[in-house]
Amino acid sequence: MKKKTFYSRKEKAAETKNKIYISAEQLFSRHGFKAVNVDDIVKHAGVAKGSFYVHFESKDFLIAALINDYVTKVDIDYRAYLESLPSDMPANDALLSLVGKIAEVITESISCENMRILYKIQIGKDIKTNAVIDYNRELYKLFYDVINKGMNQHVFQSDLPMEEIARHFVTAYRGLTFEWCIRYPDFDLKEQALRHFKILLTGINSPSNLKY
C-alpha cells in the first residue's frame, strides 16, 4: 500500500511538472519570454505557485529547459531538411541551402527577442543550455556531414580536420545571429549569412571549383 502511495505521489508530481511545462511553452509561444511571469504560468496550468519552485528554480531555468528541448527538435528538422535535398546536389549548394534554412527558422520561428534572451542566458552561465553549445549537438554533425560530402566530391579541399571546420562554421553562424540581434531590424540574417558563408567557402573550395 505504501509503495502504491509513493508511486502515485511521484506520478502526480510528474503530472504537475508537465502541466507547468506545457503551459509555459504555450504562453511563451503566444506572448514571448519577457511578457510572461511565473504567476501567469501557474494560473494557466491550474497549479499552486509553490509547485512551480518545487520543479524549477526560476523562470529562467524553465526557459533553459524549453530551449534545450526546442534545439533538439529543430536540429532533427534540419537533418530532415538536409536529407530531403537531391543526393547529387553539390556540397557547396547543400551547405548554402542549409544556411538559408537555419536563418529562416531563427527569424520566423524563434524571433529576435527570444534569441536575445538565449544569448543572455548563455553569457550568464548560471543556467545550462547544453543542447545549444554542446559540440555533440546535431547541428555540428550536419555541417561535418556536408563538409565530408564536399571532400568526397573533391569540391572542398583543406588540411584542417573536418571537425574543426564544422566548429568554425557553427561559431560563424552564432556570431552572425548575435550581429542580427544587436542590429535588428536593420540586418537581414538570411542575406548576410549566405553572403558570409560564400566567403567562408572560398577558403575550402578546391581550385577547380572556385565558382563561389
Protein backbone atom coordinates (compact mmCIF):
# COMPACT_ATOMS: atom_id res chain seq x y z
CA MET A 1 0.00 0.00 0.00
CA LYS A 2 2.84 2.37 0.88
CA LYS A 3 4.53 1.52 -2.40
CA LYS A 4 1.38 2.45 -4.31
CA THR A 5 1.13 5.76 -2.42
CA PHE A 6 4.77 6.54 -3.21
CA TYR A 7 4.31 5.98 -6.93
CA SER A 8 1.03 7.91 -7.05
CA ARG A 9 2.77 10.92 -5.47
CA LYS A 10 5.61 10.57 -7.93
CA GLU A 11 3.18 10.39 -10.84
CA LYS A 12 1.23 13.38 -9.51
CA ALA A 13 4.45 15.40 -9.23
CA ALA A 14 5.38 14.47 -12.79
CA GLU A 15 1.91 15.46 -13.98
CA THR A 16 2.19 18.83 -12.22
CA LYS A 17 5.61 19.48 -13.73
CA ASN A 18 4.28 18.61 -17.18
CA LYS A 19 1.33 20.99 -16.74
CA ILE A 20 3.70 23.82 -15.83
CA TYR A 21 5.99 22.98 -18.73
CA ILE A 22 3.22 22.82 -21.34
CA SER A 23 1.54 25.99 -20.03
CA ALA A 24 4.83 27.89 -20.11
CA GLU A 25 5.54 26.67 -23.64
CA GLN A 26 2.11 27.84 -24.82
CA LEU A 27 2.35 31.24 -23.10
CA PHE A 28 5.93 31.89 -24.24
CA SER A 29 4.97 30.98 -27.79
CA ARG A 30 1.97 33.32 -27.65
CA HIS A 31 3.45 36.30 -25.81
CA GLY A 32 7.25 35.90 -25.74
CA PHE A 33 9.53 35.08 -22.79
CA LYS A 34 9.65 38.58 -21.30
CA ALA A 35 5.91 39.20 -21.21
CA VAL A 36 5.13 36.06 -19.21
CA ASN A 37 5.82 35.70 -15.48
CA VAL A 38 5.58 32.81 -13.02
CA ASP A 39 2.11 33.90 -11.85
CA ASP A 40 0.85 33.72 -15.42
CA ILE A 41 2.28 30.22 -15.86
CA VAL A 42 0.84 28.69 -12.68
CA LYS A 43 -2.55 30.31 -13.28
CA HIS A 44 -2.66 28.89 -16.79
CA ALA A 45 -1.52 25.48 -15.51
CA GLY A 46 -4.01 25.50 -12.65
CA VAL A 47 -1.38 24.69 -10.00
CA ALA A 48 -0.14 26.38 -6.83
CA LYS A 49 2.76 28.81 -7.19
CA GLY A 50 4.79 26.78 -4.71
CA SER A 51 4.60 23.82 -7.09
CA PHE A 52 6.49 25.81 -9.69
CA TYR A 53 9.51 26.22 -7.43
CA VAL A 54 9.45 22.54 -6.49
CA HIS A 55 10.28 21.71 -10.10
CA PHE A 56 12.03 24.83 -11.44
CA GLU A 57 14.44 27.13 -9.63
CA SER A 58 13.25 30.15 -11.59
CA LYS A 59 11.55 31.20 -14.81
CA ASP A 60 14.96 31.34 -16.48
CA PHE A 61 15.66 27.70 -15.57
CA LEU A 62 12.34 26.74 -17.12
CA ILE A 63 13.22 28.74 -20.23
CA ALA A 64 16.55 26.88 -20.42
CA ALA A 65 14.73 23.52 -20.28
CA LEU A 66 12.40 24.63 -23.07
CA ILE A 67 15.32 25.89 -25.15
CA ASN A 68 17.21 22.61 -24.77
CA ASP A 69 14.17 20.64 -25.90
CA TYR A 70 13.47 23.02 -28.78
CA VAL A 71 17.08 22.90 -30.00
CA THR A 72 16.95 19.10 -30.09
CA LYS A 73 13.71 19.22 -32.09
CA VAL A 74 14.87 21.88 -34.53
CA ASP A 75 18.14 20.04 -35.18
CA ILE A 76 16.12 16.95 -36.13
CA ASP A 77 14.16 19.17 -38.53
CA TYR A 78 17.43 20.50 -40.01
CA ARG A 79 18.60 16.92 -40.52
CA ALA A 80 15.34 16.04 -42.29
CA TYR A 81 15.67 19.14 -44.47
CA LEU A 82 19.26 18.31 -45.44
CA GLU A 83 18.30 14.73 -46.27
CA SER A 84 15.42 15.99 -48.43
CA LEU A 85 17.85 17.77 -50.77
CA PRO A 86 18.77 15.97 -54.02
CA SER A 87 21.51 13.41 -53.36
CA ASP A 88 23.53 14.67 -56.32
CA MET A 89 23.43 18.32 -55.18
CA PRO A 90 26.99 19.72 -54.91
CA ALA A 91 28.14 20.16 -51.31
CA ASN A 92 28.53 23.93 -51.80
CA ASP A 93 24.87 24.28 -52.72
CA ALA A 94 23.73 21.91 -49.97
CA LEU A 95 25.63 23.88 -47.34
CA LEU A 96 24.25 27.22 -48.52
CA SER A 97 20.74 25.74 -48.63
CA LEU A 98 21.16 24.59 -45.01
CA VAL A 99 22.48 28.03 -44.04
CA GLY A 100 19.40 29.65 -45.56
CA LYS A 101 17.06 27.21 -43.83
CA ILE A 102 18.62 27.90 -40.42
CA ALA A 103 18.18 31.65 -40.97
CA GLU A 104 14.50 31.15 -41.82
CA VAL A 105 13.88 29.13 -38.65
CA ILE A 106 15.69 31.66 -36.45
CA THR A 107 13.93 34.70 -37.90
CA GLU A 108 10.46 33.24 -38.48
CA SER A 109 10.03 30.68 -35.68
CA ILE A 110 12.35 31.74 -32.85
CA SER A 111 12.40 35.56 -33.19
CA CYS A 112 14.97 38.19 -32.30
CA GLU A 113 13.56 38.75 -28.80
CA ASN A 114 13.90 35.09 -27.86
CA MET A 115 17.41 34.86 -29.33
CA ARG A 116 18.45 37.83 -27.20
CA ILE A 117 17.17 36.04 -24.11
CA LEU A 118 19.03 32.90 -25.15
CA TYR A 119 22.30 34.82 -25.51
CA LYS A 120 21.74 36.46 -22.13
CA ILE A 121 21.24 33.05 -20.51
CA GLN A 122 24.33 31.61 -22.19
CA ILE A 123 26.56 34.55 -21.28
CA GLY A 124 25.40 34.45 -17.65
CA LYS A 125 26.48 30.78 -17.38
CA ASP A 126 24.26 30.31 -14.31
CA ILE A 127 21.82 28.26 -16.36
CA LYS A 128 22.91 25.40 -18.56
CA THR A 129 21.67 25.26 -22.13
CA ASN A 130 23.85 22.30 -23.03
CA ALA A 131 21.88 21.35 -26.11
CA VAL A 132 22.81 24.71 -27.66
CA ILE A 133 26.57 24.73 -27.04
CA ASP A 134 27.46 21.03 -26.89
CA TYR A 135 29.98 20.04 -29.58
CA ASN A 136 28.00 16.82 -29.95
CA ARG A 137 24.98 18.85 -30.98
CA GLU A 138 23.36 17.60 -34.18
CA LEU A 139 24.00 20.94 -35.90
CA TYR A 140 27.77 20.39 -35.74
CA LYS A 141 27.27 16.92 -37.21
CA LEU A 142 25.21 18.38 -40.06
CA PHE A 143 27.97 20.77 -41.06
CA TYR A 144 30.50 17.94 -40.68
CA ASP A 145 28.46 15.71 -42.99
CA VAL A 146 28.19 18.39 -45.69
CA ILE A 147 31.93 19.11 -45.45
CA ASN A 148 32.68 15.38 -45.65
CA LYS A 149 30.44 15.13 -48.72
CA GLY A 150 32.32 18.02 -50.30
CA MET A 151 35.65 16.40 -49.62
CA ASN A 152 34.45 13.17 -51.24
CA GLN A 153 33.15 15.14 -54.22
CA HIS A 154 36.51 16.94 -54.43
CA VAL A 155 34.77 20.30 -54.36
CA PHE A 156 36.29 21.03 -50.93
CA GLN A 157 39.95 20.84 -50.07
CA SER A 158 41.57 21.56 -46.72
CA ASP A 159 44.34 20.28 -44.44
CA LEU A 160 42.24 21.15 -41.40
CA PRO A 161 40.28 18.38 -39.64
CA MET A 162 36.65 18.36 -40.72
CA GLU A 163 35.55 18.61 -37.07
CA GLU A 164 37.46 21.88 -36.75
CA ILE A 165 35.95 23.31 -39.94
CA ALA A 166 32.45 22.37 -38.75
CA ARG A 167 33.05 24.13 -35.42
CA HIS A 168 34.27 27.25 -37.20
CA PHE A 169 31.16 27.27 -39.37
CA VAL A 170 28.79 26.94 -36.39
CA THR A 171 30.76 29.62 -34.50
CA ALA A 172 30.48 31.89 -37.53
CA TYR A 173 26.71 31.37 -37.62
CA ARG A 174 26.44 32.13 -33.91
CA GLY A 175 28.33 35.37 -34.49
CA LEU A 176 26.05 36.33 -37.38
CA THR A 177 22.98 35.66 -35.26
CA PHE A 178 24.39 37.82 -32.47
CA GLU A 179 25.03 40.59 -35.00
CA TRP A 180 21.42 40.25 -36.17
CA CYS A 181 20.23 40.59 -32.57
CA ILE A 182 22.12 43.83 -31.94
CA ARG A 183 21.34 45.39 -35.35
CA TYR A 184 17.75 44.21 -35.70
CA PRO A 185 15.75 45.15 -37.75
CA ASP A 186 18.44 46.71 -39.98
CA PHE A 187 20.21 43.40 -40.62
CA ASP A 188 18.86 40.66 -42.86
CA LEU A 189 20.11 37.44 -41.27
CA LYS A 190 19.50 35.17 -44.25
CA GLU A 191 21.04 37.56 -46.75
CA GLN A 192 24.10 38.20 -44.59
CA ALA A 193 24.52 34.52 -43.66
CA LEU A 194 24.51 33.43 -47.29
CA ARG A 195 26.98 36.16 -48.22
CA HIS A 196 29.27 35.34 -45.30
CA PHE A 197 29.27 31.59 -45.96
CA LYS A 198 30.05 32.11 -49.62
CA ILE A 199 33.16 33.94 -48.43
CA LEU A 200 33.99 31.15 -45.98
CA LEU A 201 33.58 28.55 -48.71
CA THR A 202 36.30 30.17 -50.81
CA GLY A 203 38.73 29.06 -48.08
CA ILE A 204 38.00 25.34 -48.57
CA ASN A 205 36.93 25.23 -52.20
CA SER A 206 39.05 23.08 -54.44
CA PRO A 207 40.93 25.20 -57.03
CA SER A 208 38.84 23.55 -59.76
CA ASN A 209 35.61 24.62 -58.06
CA LEU A 210 36.13 28.31 -57.33
CA LYS A 211 32.76 29.50 -58.61
CA TYR A 212 31.82 31.00 -55.24
